[in-house]
Amino acid sequence: MFATRNCSSKPYEINKLTPEPAPTLSQLLAFYLEAGVDCALSEEPVDRLSDSGRPDALKAASAAGETVAARAPRPAPALTAPAAEPMQAPDAAIASAREQARTAASLDVLRNLLEKFDGCALKSTATRLVFADGNPTARIMFVGEAPGREEDIEGLPFVGRSGKLLDRMIAAIGLDRSKVYIANVIPWRPPGNRTPTPQETQICLPFIQRQIELVDPDILVTLGNPSTQTLLLTREGIMKTRGRWFDYDTGTRVIRAIATFHPAYLLRSPSYKRLSWQDLRAIAKALRQASS
């Protein structure tokens, strides 16, 4: 006889995969910001999955003898717009920046020159120029790398989370924005907060160099690795350069300069705030010595 199987036994259960929880709105916004998606393209949302764009709707129209292409009126010939003036070659843009920066007799003139300068492609993607903030007669000047999203909106450097930390840092040594001057090597925000290219940095460099010369501070503080390497002409990383004093030569005067961590880096790595505090104490001591 054939062996039989007991069919009354309970069937095997299939393990169901637990679905991932749906992300919250704040998590989605954080993801978009990290990806560089931080600007709206239109005021109203566009439904990319509406019936007008589905394949079955197109098939139905074809079956009726009317395709989308057949129903659509022929567009009128478009008028050819005049070709935009091509962007300057990098070498020409750098030479132009040097020549224009050299002619600036004041910070206001320098700002106006930057407003009209078209040699850097970042200007076309930024919302506005981020020139400076603080007191132009201050004894100490802080220089970062480039504006971020909040700075691009406000038109002022260091106004986001890193800016609030910078405010607390300078307050710890008895200063505020009325007693310091703050700027960036790059005055326009790179798209998506990407790192500026070497060409973009070199094009903007003559302007920040002239800005430092016009402010003429007693102490120059470079915030982070990019501004330190660009202005202090070093290839060493910020871990080796922070806390060290350099000579910054404007051509008319030698200014004492020191490098320290960028506030944005301290937000990501708070354990280095202790070293940053050591740098701030050295800056405060140098200011006292310069005034005595």
C-alpha atoms as a PDB file:
ATOM      1  CA  MET A   1       0.000   0.000   0.000  1.00  0.00           C
ATOM      2  CA  PHE A   2       1.036   3.556  -0.654  1.00  0.00           C
ATOM      3  CA  ALA A   3       1.991   5.710   2.283  1.00  0.00           C
ATOM      4  CA  THR A   4      -0.441   8.547   2.912  1.00  0.00           C
ATOM      5  CA  ARG A   5       0.206  12.028   4.256  1.00  0.00           C
ATOM      6  CA  ASN A   6      -1.933  13.570   6.933  1.00  0.00           C
ATOM      7  CA  CYS A   7      -3.463  16.513   5.092  1.00  0.00           C
ATOM      8  CA  SER A   8      -5.229  17.724   8.173  1.00  0.00           C
ATOM      9  CA  SER A   9      -1.978  19.024   9.653  1.00  0.00           C
ATOM     10  CA  LYS A  10      -1.568  22.787   9.878  1.00  0.00           C
ATOM     11  CA  PRO A  11       0.025  24.217   6.697  1.00  0.00           C
ATOM     12  CA  TYR A  12       3.396  25.882   6.945  1.00  0.00           C
ATOM     13  CA  GLU A  13       3.236  29.623   7.667  1.00  0.00           C
ATOM     14  CA  ILE A  14       5.182  32.010   5.488  1.00  0.00           C
ATOM     15  CA  ASN A  15       7.263  34.501   7.404  1.00  0.00           C
ATOM     16  CA  LYS A  16       6.226  37.996   6.466  1.00  0.00           C
ATOM     17  CA  LEU A  17       8.843  40.711   6.138  1.00  0.00           C
ATOM     18  CA  THR A  18       8.272  43.598   8.489  1.00  0.00           C
ATOM     19  CA  PRO A  19       7.963  46.745   6.361  1.00  0.00           C
ATOM     20  CA  GLU A  20      10.250  49.658   7.074  1.00  0.00           C
ATOM     21  CA  PRO A  21       8.485  52.468   8.922  1.00  0.00           C
ATOM     22  CA  ALA A  22       7.612  55.409   6.699  1.00  0.00           C
ATOM     23  CA  PRO A  23      10.057  58.316   7.154  1.00  0.00           C
ATOM     24  CA  THR A  24       8.777  61.375   8.952  1.00  0.00           C
ATOM     25  CA  LEU A  25       8.539  64.747   7.249  1.00  0.00           C
ATOM     26  CA  SER A  26      11.600  66.029   9.107  1.00  0.00           C
ATOM     27  CA  GLN A  27      13.586  62.945   8.037  1.00  0.00           C
ATOM     28  CA  LEU A  28      12.591  63.480   4.403  1.00  0.00           C
ATOM     29  CA  LEU A  29      13.575  67.149   4.556  1.00  0.00           C
ATOM     30  CA  ALA A  30      16.915  66.241   6.137  1.00  0.00           C
ATOM     31  CA  PHE A  31      17.520  63.689   3.349  1.00  0.00           C
ATOM     32  CA  TYR A  32      16.751  66.266   0.654  1.00  0.00           C
ATOM     33  CA  LEU A  33      19.071  68.833   2.266  1.00  0.00           C
ATOM     34  CA  GLU A  34      21.912  66.295   2.455  1.00  0.00           C
ATOM     35  CA  ALA A  35      21.350  65.561  -1.249  1.00  0.00           C
ATOM     36  CA  GLY A  36      21.506  69.258  -2.090  1.00  0.00           C
ATOM     37  CA  VAL A  37      17.777  69.545  -2.902  1.00  0.00           C
ATOM     38  CA  ASP A  38      16.944  72.746  -1.068  1.00  0.00           C
ATOM     39  CA  CYS A  39      15.220  74.972  -3.622  1.00  0.00           C
ATOM     40  CA  ALA A  40      11.660  74.800  -4.985  1.00  0.00           C
ATOM     41  CA  LEU A  41      11.333  74.889  -8.783  1.00  0.00           C
ATOM     42  CA  SER A  42       7.724  76.111  -8.797  1.00  0.00           C
ATOM     43  CA  GLU A  43       5.037  77.378  -6.459  1.00  0.00           C
ATOM     44  CA  GLU A  44       2.632  74.482  -7.100  1.00  0.00           C
ATOM     45  CA  PRO A  45       3.314  70.708  -6.941  1.00  0.00           C
ATOM     46  CA  VAL A  46       3.264  68.726 -10.192  1.00  0.00           C
ATOM     47  CA  ASP A  47       1.603  65.290 -10.258  1.00  0.00           C
ATOM     48  CA  ARG A  48       3.923  63.220 -12.432  1.00  0.00           C
ATOM     49  CA  LEU A  49       1.634  60.170 -12.062  1.00  0.00           C
ATOM     50  CA  SER A  50      -1.638  61.739 -13.246  1.00  0.00           C
ATOM     51  CA  ASP A  51      -3.903  59.924 -15.734  1.00  0.00           C
ATOM     52  CA  SER A  52      -2.775  62.167 -18.579  1.00  0.00           C
ATOM     53  CA  GLY A  53       0.690  60.667 -18.389  1.00  0.00           C
ATOM     54  CA  ARG A  54      -0.218  56.972 -17.962  1.00  0.00           C
ATOM     55  CA  PRO A  55       0.370  54.429 -20.766  1.00  0.00           C
ATOM     56  CA  ASP A  56      -3.263  53.152 -20.677  1.00  0.00           C
ATOM     57  CA  ALA A  57      -4.571  56.637 -21.341  1.00  0.00           C
ATOM     58  CA  LEU A  58      -2.288  56.982 -24.335  1.00  0.00           C
ATOM     59  CA  LYS A  59      -3.392  53.582 -25.662  1.00  0.00           C
ATOM     60  CA  ALA A  60      -7.040  54.567 -25.408  1.00  0.00           C
ATOM     61  CA  ALA A  61      -6.363  57.735 -27.350  1.00  0.00           C
ATOM     62  CA  SER A  62      -4.548  55.746 -30.030  1.00  0.00           C
ATOM     63  CA  ALA A  63      -7.424  53.279 -30.348  1.00  0.00           C
ATOM     64  CA  ALA A  64      -9.814  56.147 -31.003  1.00  0.00           C
ATOM     65  CA  GLY A  65      -7.610  57.253 -33.862  1.00  0.00           C
ATOM     66  CA  GLU A  66      -6.289  60.261 -32.058  1.00  0.00           C
ATOM     67  CA  THR A  67      -2.782  60.280 -30.741  1.00  0.00           C
ATOM     68  CA  VAL A  68      -1.434  62.913 -28.476  1.00  0.00           C
ATOM     69  CA  ALA A  69       0.881  64.087 -31.209  1.00  0.00           C
ATOM     70  CA  ALA A  70      -1.979  64.352 -33.740  1.00  0.00           C
ATOM     71  CA  ARG A  71      -4.200  66.379 -31.392  1.00  0.00           C
ATOM     72  CA  ALA A  72      -1.480  68.802 -30.361  1.00  0.00           C
ATOM     73  CA  PRO A  73      -1.238  71.944 -32.493  1.00  0.00           C
ATOM     74  CA  ARG A  74       2.013  72.525 -34.261  1.00  0.00           C
ATOM     75  CA  PRO A  75       4.134  74.971 -32.275  1.00  0.00           C
ATOM     76  CA  ALA A  76       4.966  78.255 -33.894  1.00  0.00           C
ATOM     77  CA  PRO A  77       8.599  78.708 -34.869  1.00  0.00           C
ATOM     78  CA  ALA A  78      10.479  79.932 -31.826  1.00  0.00           C
ATOM     79  CA  LEU A  79      12.363  83.170 -32.031  1.00  0.00           C
ATOM     80  CA  THR A  80      16.067  82.609 -31.641  1.00  0.00           C
ATOM     81  CA  ALA A  81      17.350  84.463 -28.614  1.00  0.00           C
ATOM     82  CA  PRO A  82      20.691  86.212 -28.951  1.00  0.00           C
ATOM     83  CA  ALA A  83      23.519  84.011 -27.790  1.00  0.00           C
ATOM     84  CA  ALA A  84      24.647  84.695 -24.237  1.00  0.00           C
ATOM     85  CA  GLU A  85      28.107  86.106 -23.802  1.00  0.00           C
ATOM     86  CA  PRO A  86      30.419  83.158 -23.169  1.00  0.00           C
ATOM     87  CA  MET A  87      32.024  82.768 -19.737  1.00  0.00           C
ATOM     88  CA  GLN A  88      35.584  83.982 -19.528  1.00  0.00           C
ATOM     89  CA  ALA A  89      38.362  81.422 -19.698  1.00  0.00           C
ATOM     90  CA  PRO A  90      39.757  80.694 -16.210  1.00  0.00           C
ATOM     91  CA  ASP A  91      43.100  82.431 -16.853  1.00  0.00           C
ATOM     92  CA  ALA A  92      41.349  85.494 -18.244  1.00  0.00           C
ATOM     93  CA  ALA A  93      38.879  85.526 -15.321  1.00  0.00           C
ATOM     94  CA  ILE A  94      41.722  85.347 -12.784  1.00  0.00           C
ATOM     95  CA  ALA A  95      43.592  88.172 -14.521  1.00  0.00           C
ATOM     96  CA  SER A  96      40.412  90.260 -14.621  1.00  0.00           C
ATOM     97  CA  ALA A  97      39.751  89.611 -10.924  1.00  0.00           C
ATOM     98  CA  ARG A  98      43.277  90.707 -10.020  1.00  0.00           C
ATOM     99  CA  GLU A  99      42.997  93.887 -12.044  1.00  0.00           C
ATOM    100  CA  GLN A 100      39.582  94.836 -10.666  1.00  0.00           C
ATOM    101  CA  ALA A 101      40.436  94.014  -7.048  1.00  0.00           C
ATOM    102  CA  ARG A 102      43.583  96.119  -7.290  1.00  0.00           C
ATOM    103  CA  THR A 103      41.528  99.197  -8.232  1.00  0.00           C
ATOM    104  CA  ALA A 104      39.182  98.967  -5.218  1.00  0.00           C
ATOM    105  CA  ALA A 105      39.970 101.889  -2.929  1.00  0.00           C
ATOM    106  CA  SER A 106      37.382 100.926  -0.299  1.00  0.00           C
ATOM    107  CA  LEU A 107      35.235  98.001   0.841  1.00  0.00           C
ATOM    108  CA  ASP A 108      32.147  99.577  -0.735  1.00  0.00           C
ATOM    109  CA  VAL A 109      33.906  99.825  -4.087  1.00  0.00           C
ATOM    110  CA  LEU A 110      35.097  96.226  -3.743  1.00  0.00           C
ATOM    111  CA  ARG A 111      31.566  95.042  -3.030  1.00  0.00           C
ATOM    112  CA  ASN A 112      30.226  96.884  -6.083  1.00  0.00           C
ATOM    113  CA  LEU A 113      32.937  95.323  -8.231  1.00  0.00           C
ATOM    114  CA  LEU A 114      31.948  91.849  -7.023  1.00  0.00           C
ATOM    115  CA  GLU A 115      28.279  92.585  -7.720  1.00  0.00           C
ATOM    116  CA  LYS A 116      29.173  93.303 -11.353  1.00  0.00           C
ATOM    117  CA  PHE A 117      31.861  90.644 -11.764  1.00  0.00           C
ATOM    118  CA  ASP A 118      30.813  87.843 -14.143  1.00  0.00           C
ATOM    119  CA  GLY A 119      34.031  85.847 -14.273  1.00  0.00           C
ATOM    120  CA  CYS A 120      32.925  83.211 -11.736  1.00  0.00           C
ATOM    121  CA  ALA A 121      30.202  80.731 -12.704  1.00  0.00           C
ATOM    122  CA  LEU A 122      29.043  80.452  -9.075  1.00  0.00           C
ATOM    123  CA  LYS A 123      27.423  83.863  -9.366  1.00  0.00           C
ATOM    124  CA  SER A 124      24.840  82.513 -11.831  1.00  0.00           C
ATOM    125  CA  THR A 125      23.687  79.741  -9.463  1.00  0.00           C
ATOM    126  CA  ALA A 126      23.762  81.663  -6.178  1.00  0.00           C
ATOM    127  CA  THR A 127      20.847  83.697  -4.878  1.00  0.00           C
ATOM    128  CA  ARG A 128      22.948  86.673  -3.856  1.00  0.00           C
ATOM    129  CA  LEU A 129      26.420  87.894  -3.053  1.00  0.00           C
ATOM    130  CA  VAL A 130      27.598  87.139   0.502  1.00  0.00           C
ATOM    131  CA  PHE A 131      30.192  89.842   1.058  1.00  0.00           C
ATOM    132  CA  ALA A 132      30.820  90.287   4.777  1.00  0.00           C
ATOM    133  CA  ASP A 133      29.401  90.988   8.212  1.00  0.00           C
ATOM    134  CA  GLY A 134      30.635  92.789  11.287  1.00  0.00           C
ATOM    135  CA  ASN A 135      32.803  95.842  11.871  1.00  0.00           C
ATOM    136  CA  PRO A 136      35.086  96.841   8.959  1.00  0.00           C
ATOM    137  CA  THR A 137      37.409  98.594  11.418  1.00  0.00           C
ATOM    138  CA  ALA A 138      37.720  95.551  13.699  1.00  0.00           C
ATOM    139  CA  ARG A 139      41.105  94.404  14.965  1.00  0.00           C
ATOM    140  CA  ILE A 140      40.333  90.772  14.153  1.00  0.00           C
ATOM    141  CA  MET A 141      39.015  89.201  10.936  1.00  0.00           C
ATOM    142  CA  PHE A 142      37.606  85.683  10.468  1.00  0.00           C
ATOM    143  CA  VAL A 143      37.594  84.073   7.007  1.00  0.00           C
ATOM    144  CA  GLY A 144      35.768  80.867   6.096  1.00  0.00           C
ATOM    145  CA  GLU A 145      35.495  78.979   2.820  1.00  0.00           C
ATOM    146  CA  ALA A 146      32.106  79.690   1.185  1.00  0.00           C
ATOM    147  CA  PRO A 147      28.484  80.500   2.074  1.00  0.00           C
ATOM    148  CA  GLY A 148      25.913  77.802   2.766  1.00  0.00           C
ATOM    149  CA  ARG A 149      22.161  77.717   2.208  1.00  0.00           C
ATOM    150  CA  GLU A 150      21.193  80.084   5.024  1.00  0.00           C
ATOM    151  CA  GLU A 151      23.948  82.522   4.096  1.00  0.00           C
ATOM    152  CA  ASP A 152      22.815  82.484   0.470  1.00  0.00           C
ATOM    153  CA  ILE A 153      19.299  83.428   1.590  1.00  0.00           C
ATOM    154  CA  GLU A 154      20.313  86.113   4.083  1.00  0.00           C
ATOM    155  CA  GLY A 155      23.262  87.539   2.160  1.00  0.00           C
ATOM    156  CA  LEU A 156      25.450  87.402   5.292  1.00  0.00           C
ATOM    157  CA  PRO A 157      28.227  84.968   6.263  1.00  0.00           C
ATOM    158  CA  PHE A 158      27.852  82.503   9.120  1.00  0.00           C
ATOM    159  CA  VAL A 159      24.160  82.861   9.960  1.00  0.00           C
ATOM    160  CA  GLY A 160      23.201  79.166  10.130  1.00  0.00           C
ATOM    161  CA  ARG A 161      24.044  76.619  12.822  1.00  0.00           C
ATOM    162  CA  SER A 162      27.765  77.085  12.307  1.00  0.00           C
ATOM    163  CA  GLY A 163      27.294  80.843  12.560  1.00  0.00           C
ATOM    164  CA  LYS A 164      25.552  80.528  15.897  1.00  0.00           C
ATOM    165  CA  LEU A 165      28.428  78.404  17.159  1.00  0.00           C
ATOM    166  CA  LEU A 166      30.906  81.003  15.878  1.00  0.00           C
ATOM    167  CA  ASP A 167      28.998  83.664  17.822  1.00  0.00           C
ATOM    168  CA  ARG A 168      29.352  81.590  20.999  1.00  0.00           C
ATOM    169  CA  MET A 169      33.039  81.010  20.294  1.00  0.00           C
ATOM    170  CA  ILE A 170      33.893  84.696  19.957  1.00  0.00           C
ATOM    171  CA  ALA A 171      31.639  85.571  22.908  1.00  0.00           C
ATOM    172  CA  ALA A 172      33.776  83.241  25.044  1.00  0.00           C
ATOM    173  CA  ILE A 173      36.708  85.649  24.585  1.00  0.00           C
ATOM    174  CA  GLY A 174      34.636  88.787  25.092  1.00  0.00           C
ATOM    175  CA  LEU A 175      33.827  89.606  21.456  1.00  0.00           C
ATOM    176  CA  ASP A 176      30.709  89.868  19.318  1.00  0.00           C
ATOM    177  CA  ARG A 177      29.947  90.739  15.698  1.00  0.00           C
ATOM    178  CA  SER A 178      30.272  94.446  16.373  1.00  0.00           C
ATOM    179  CA  LYS A 179      33.930  93.865  17.292  1.00  0.00           C
ATOM    180  CA  VAL A 180      34.950  91.432  14.530  1.00  0.00           C
ATOM    181  CA  TYR A 181      34.803  91.259  10.729  1.00  0.00           C
ATOM    182  CA  ILE A 182      33.669  88.049   8.993  1.00  0.00           C
ATOM    183  CA  ALA A 183      34.009  87.023   5.344  1.00  0.00           C
ATOM    184  CA  ASN A 184      34.621  84.009   3.074  1.00  0.00           C
ATOM    185  CA  VAL A 185      37.166  83.185   0.399  1.00  0.00           C
ATOM    186  CA  ILE A 186      34.260  82.463  -1.983  1.00  0.00           C
ATOM    187  CA  PRO A 187      31.449  85.068  -1.844  1.00  0.00           C
ATOM    188  CA  TRP A 188      28.859  82.949  -3.673  1.00  0.00           C
ATOM    189  CA  ARG A 189      27.318  79.674  -2.546  1.00  0.00           C
ATOM    190  CA  PRO A 190      28.367  76.613  -4.591  1.00  0.00           C
ATOM    191  CA  PRO A 191      25.352  74.552  -5.756  1.00  0.00           C
ATOM    192  CA  GLY A 192      24.315  71.989  -3.154  1.00  0.00           C
ATOM    193  CA  ASN A 193      27.076  73.222  -0.841  1.00  0.00           C
ATOM    194  CA  ARG A 194      29.649  71.352  -2.909  1.00  0.00           C
ATOM    195  CA  THR A 195      33.348  72.060  -2.497  1.00  0.00           C
ATOM    196  CA  PRO A 196      34.490  74.965  -4.698  1.00  0.00           C
ATOM    197  CA  THR A 197      36.784  73.953  -7.522  1.00  0.00           C
ATOM    198  CA  PRO A 198      40.422  75.140  -7.541  1.00  0.00           C
ATOM    199  CA  GLN A 199      39.602  77.391 -10.499  1.00  0.00           C
ATOM    200  CA  GLU A 200      36.675  79.011  -8.643  1.00  0.00           C
ATOM    201  CA  THR A 201      38.911  79.574  -5.634  1.00  0.00           C
ATOM    202  CA  GLN A 202      41.665  81.166  -7.696  1.00  0.00           C
ATOM    203  CA  ILE A 203      39.179  83.445  -9.457  1.00  0.00           C
ATOM    204  CA  CYS A 204      37.795  84.718  -6.145  1.00  0.00           C
ATOM    205  CA  LEU A 205      41.139  84.864  -4.340  1.00  0.00           C
ATOM    206  CA  PRO A 206      42.174  88.396  -5.465  1.00  0.00           C
ATOM    207  CA  PHE A 207      38.957  89.818  -4.016  1.00  0.00           C
ATOM    208  CA  ILE A 208      39.344  88.304  -0.525  1.00  0.00           C
ATOM    209  CA  GLN A 209      43.027  89.281  -0.527  1.00  0.00           C
ATOM    210  CA  ARG A 210      42.078  92.887  -1.260  1.00  0.00           C
ATOM    211  CA  GLN A 211      39.298  92.676   1.330  1.00  0.00           C
ATOM    212  CA  ILE A 212      41.817  91.640   4.000  1.00  0.00           C
ATOM    213  CA  GLU A 213      44.145  94.432   2.935  1.00  0.00           C
ATOM    214  CA  LEU A 214      41.373  97.041   3.195  1.00  0.00           C
ATOM    215  CA  VAL A 215      40.148  95.836   6.587  1.00  0.00           C
ATOM    216  CA  ASP A 216      43.775  95.704   7.775  1.00  0.00           C
ATOM    217  CA  PRO A 217      43.160  93.718  10.994  1.00  0.00           C
ATOM    218  CA  ASP A 218      45.741  93.039  13.664  1.00  0.00           C
ATOM    219  CA  ILE A 219      44.863  89.330  13.608  1.00  0.00           C
ATOM    220  CA  LEU A 220      43.560  87.148  10.784  1.00  0.00           C
ATOM    221  CA  VAL A 221      41.795  83.890  11.718  1.00  0.00           C
ATOM    222  CA  THR A 222      41.272  81.279   9.007  1.00  0.00           C
ATOM    223  CA  LEU A 223      38.393  78.910   9.730  1.00  0.00           C
ATOM    224  CA  GLY A 224      38.890  75.390   8.434  1.00  0.00           C
ATOM    225  CA  ASN A 225      41.249  73.690   6.030  1.00  0.00           C
ATOM    226  CA  PRO A 226      40.274  75.288   2.672  1.00  0.00           C
ATOM    227  CA  SER A 227      40.637  78.919   3.770  1.00  0.00           C
ATOM    228  CA  THR A 228      43.813  78.082   5.708  1.00  0.00           C
ATOM    229  CA  GLN A 229      45.513  76.413   2.752  1.00  0.00           C
ATOM    230  CA  THR A 230      44.342  79.116   0.328  1.00  0.00           C
ATOM    231  CA  LEU A 231      45.319  82.184   2.354  1.00  0.00           C
ATOM    232  CA  LEU A 232      48.293  80.904   4.360  1.00  0.00           C
ATOM    233  CA  LEU A 233      49.859  79.041   1.420  1.00  0.00           C
ATOM    234  CA  THR A 234      50.289  75.714   3.176  1.00  0.00           C
ATOM    235  CA  ARG A 235      49.602  72.152   2.094  1.00  0.00           C
ATOM    236  CA  GLU A 236      49.329  70.810   5.630  1.00  0.00           C
ATOM    237  CA  GLY A 237      45.964  69.792   7.038  1.00  0.00           C
ATOM    238  CA  ILE A 238      44.069  71.689   9.709  1.00  0.00           C
ATOM    239  CA  MET A 239      45.146  69.227  12.413  1.00  0.00           C
ATOM    240  CA  LYS A 240      48.740  70.374  11.922  1.00  0.00           C
ATOM    241  CA  THR A 241      48.105  74.049  11.180  1.00  0.00           C
ATOM    242  CA  ARG A 242      45.534  74.879  13.879  1.00  0.00           C
ATOM    243  CA  GLY A 243      46.903  76.838  16.786  1.00  0.00           C
ATOM    244  CA  ARG A 244      50.034  77.867  14.860  1.00  0.00           C
ATOM    245  CA  TRP A 245      50.885  81.475  14.053  1.00  0.00           C
ATOM    246  CA  PHE A 246      51.687  82.510  10.492  1.00  0.00           C
ATOM    247  CA  ASP A 247      52.734  85.746   8.831  1.00  0.00           C
ATOM    248  CA  TYR A 248      50.189  86.981   6.289  1.00  0.00           C
ATOM    249  CA  ASP A 249      51.757  89.551   3.971  1.00  0.00           C
ATOM    250  CA  THR A 250      49.292  91.938   2.295  1.00  0.00           C
ATOM    251  CA  GLY A 251      52.060  93.628   0.345  1.00  0.00           C
ATOM    252  CA  THR A 252      51.888  96.697   2.544  1.00  0.00           C
ATOM    253  CA  ARG A 253      51.901  95.085   5.971  1.00  0.00           C
ATOM    254  CA  VAL A 254      52.498  91.727   7.677  1.00  0.00           C
ATOM    255  CA  ILE A 255      49.511  90.536   9.723  1.00  0.00           C
ATOM    256  CA  ARG A 256      49.617  87.830  12.359  1.00  0.00           C
ATOM    257  CA  ALA A 257      47.421  84.911  11.267  1.00  0.00           C
ATOM    258  CA  ILE A 258      46.233  81.774  13.018  1.00  0.00           C
ATOM    259  CA  ALA A 259      44.211  78.779  11.850  1.00  0.00           C
ATOM    260  CA  THR A 260      41.491  76.996  13.774  1.00  0.00           C
ATOM    261  CA  PHE A 261      38.630  74.579  13.119  1.00  0.00           C
ATOM    262  CA  HIS A 262      35.606  75.628  11.098  1.00  0.00           C
ATOM    263  CA  PRO A 263      32.470  75.766  13.304  1.00  0.00           C
ATOM    264  CA  ALA A 264      30.717  73.323  10.956  1.00  0.00           C
ATOM    265  CA  TYR A 265      33.469  70.788  11.643  1.00  0.00           C
ATOM    266  CA  LEU A 266      33.049  71.284  15.387  1.00  0.00           C
ATOM    267  CA  LEU A 267      29.334  70.579  15.048  1.00  0.00           C
ATOM    268  CA  ARG A 268      30.186  67.248  13.421  1.00  0.00           C
ATOM    269  CA  SER A 269      33.106  66.508  15.761  1.00  0.00           C
ATOM    270  CA  PRO A 270      32.396  68.195  19.121  1.00  0.00           C
ATOM    271  CA  SER A 271      35.345  66.442  20.766  1.00  0.00           C
ATOM    272  CA  TYR A 272      37.647  68.982  19.047  1.00  0.00           C
ATOM    273  CA  LYS A 273      36.020  71.949  20.791  1.00  0.00           C
ATOM    274  CA  ARG A 274      38.685  71.619  23.496  1.00  0.00           C
ATOM    275  CA  LEU A 275      41.432  72.303  20.943  1.00  0.00           C
ATOM    276  CA  SER A 276      39.393  75.139  19.468  1.00  0.00           C
ATOM    277  CA  TRP A 277      39.148  76.702  22.930  1.00  0.00           C
ATOM    278  CA  GLN A 278      42.942  76.615  23.165  1.00  0.00           C
ATOM    279  CA  ASP A 279      43.124  78.491  19.853  1.00  0.00           C
ATOM    280  CA  LEU A 280      40.627  81.082  21.070  1.00  0.00           C
ATOM    281  CA  ARG A 281      42.642  81.678  24.228  1.00  0.00           C
ATOM    282  CA  ALA A 282      45.760  82.227  22.104  1.00  0.00           C
ATOM    283  CA  ILE A 283      43.826  84.733  19.980  1.00  0.00           C
ATOM    284  CA  ALA A 284      42.600  86.606  23.074  1.00  0.00           C
ATOM    285  CA  LYS A 285      46.154  86.746  24.444  1.00  0.00           C
ATOM    286  CA  ALA A 286      47.487  88.109  21.144  1.00  0.00           C
ATOM    287  CA  LEU A 287      44.810  90.819  21.103  1.00  0.00           C
ATOM    288  CA  ARG A 288      45.767  91.881  24.609  1.00  0.00           C
ATOM    289  CA  GLN A 289      49.447  91.999  23.685  1.00  0.00           C
ATOM    290  CA  ALA A 290      48.732  94.020  20.543  1.00  0.00           C
ATOM    291  CA  SER A 291      46.791  96.639  22.531  1.00  0.00           C
ATOM    292  CA  SER A 292      49.352  96.972  25.327  1.00  0.00           C
END
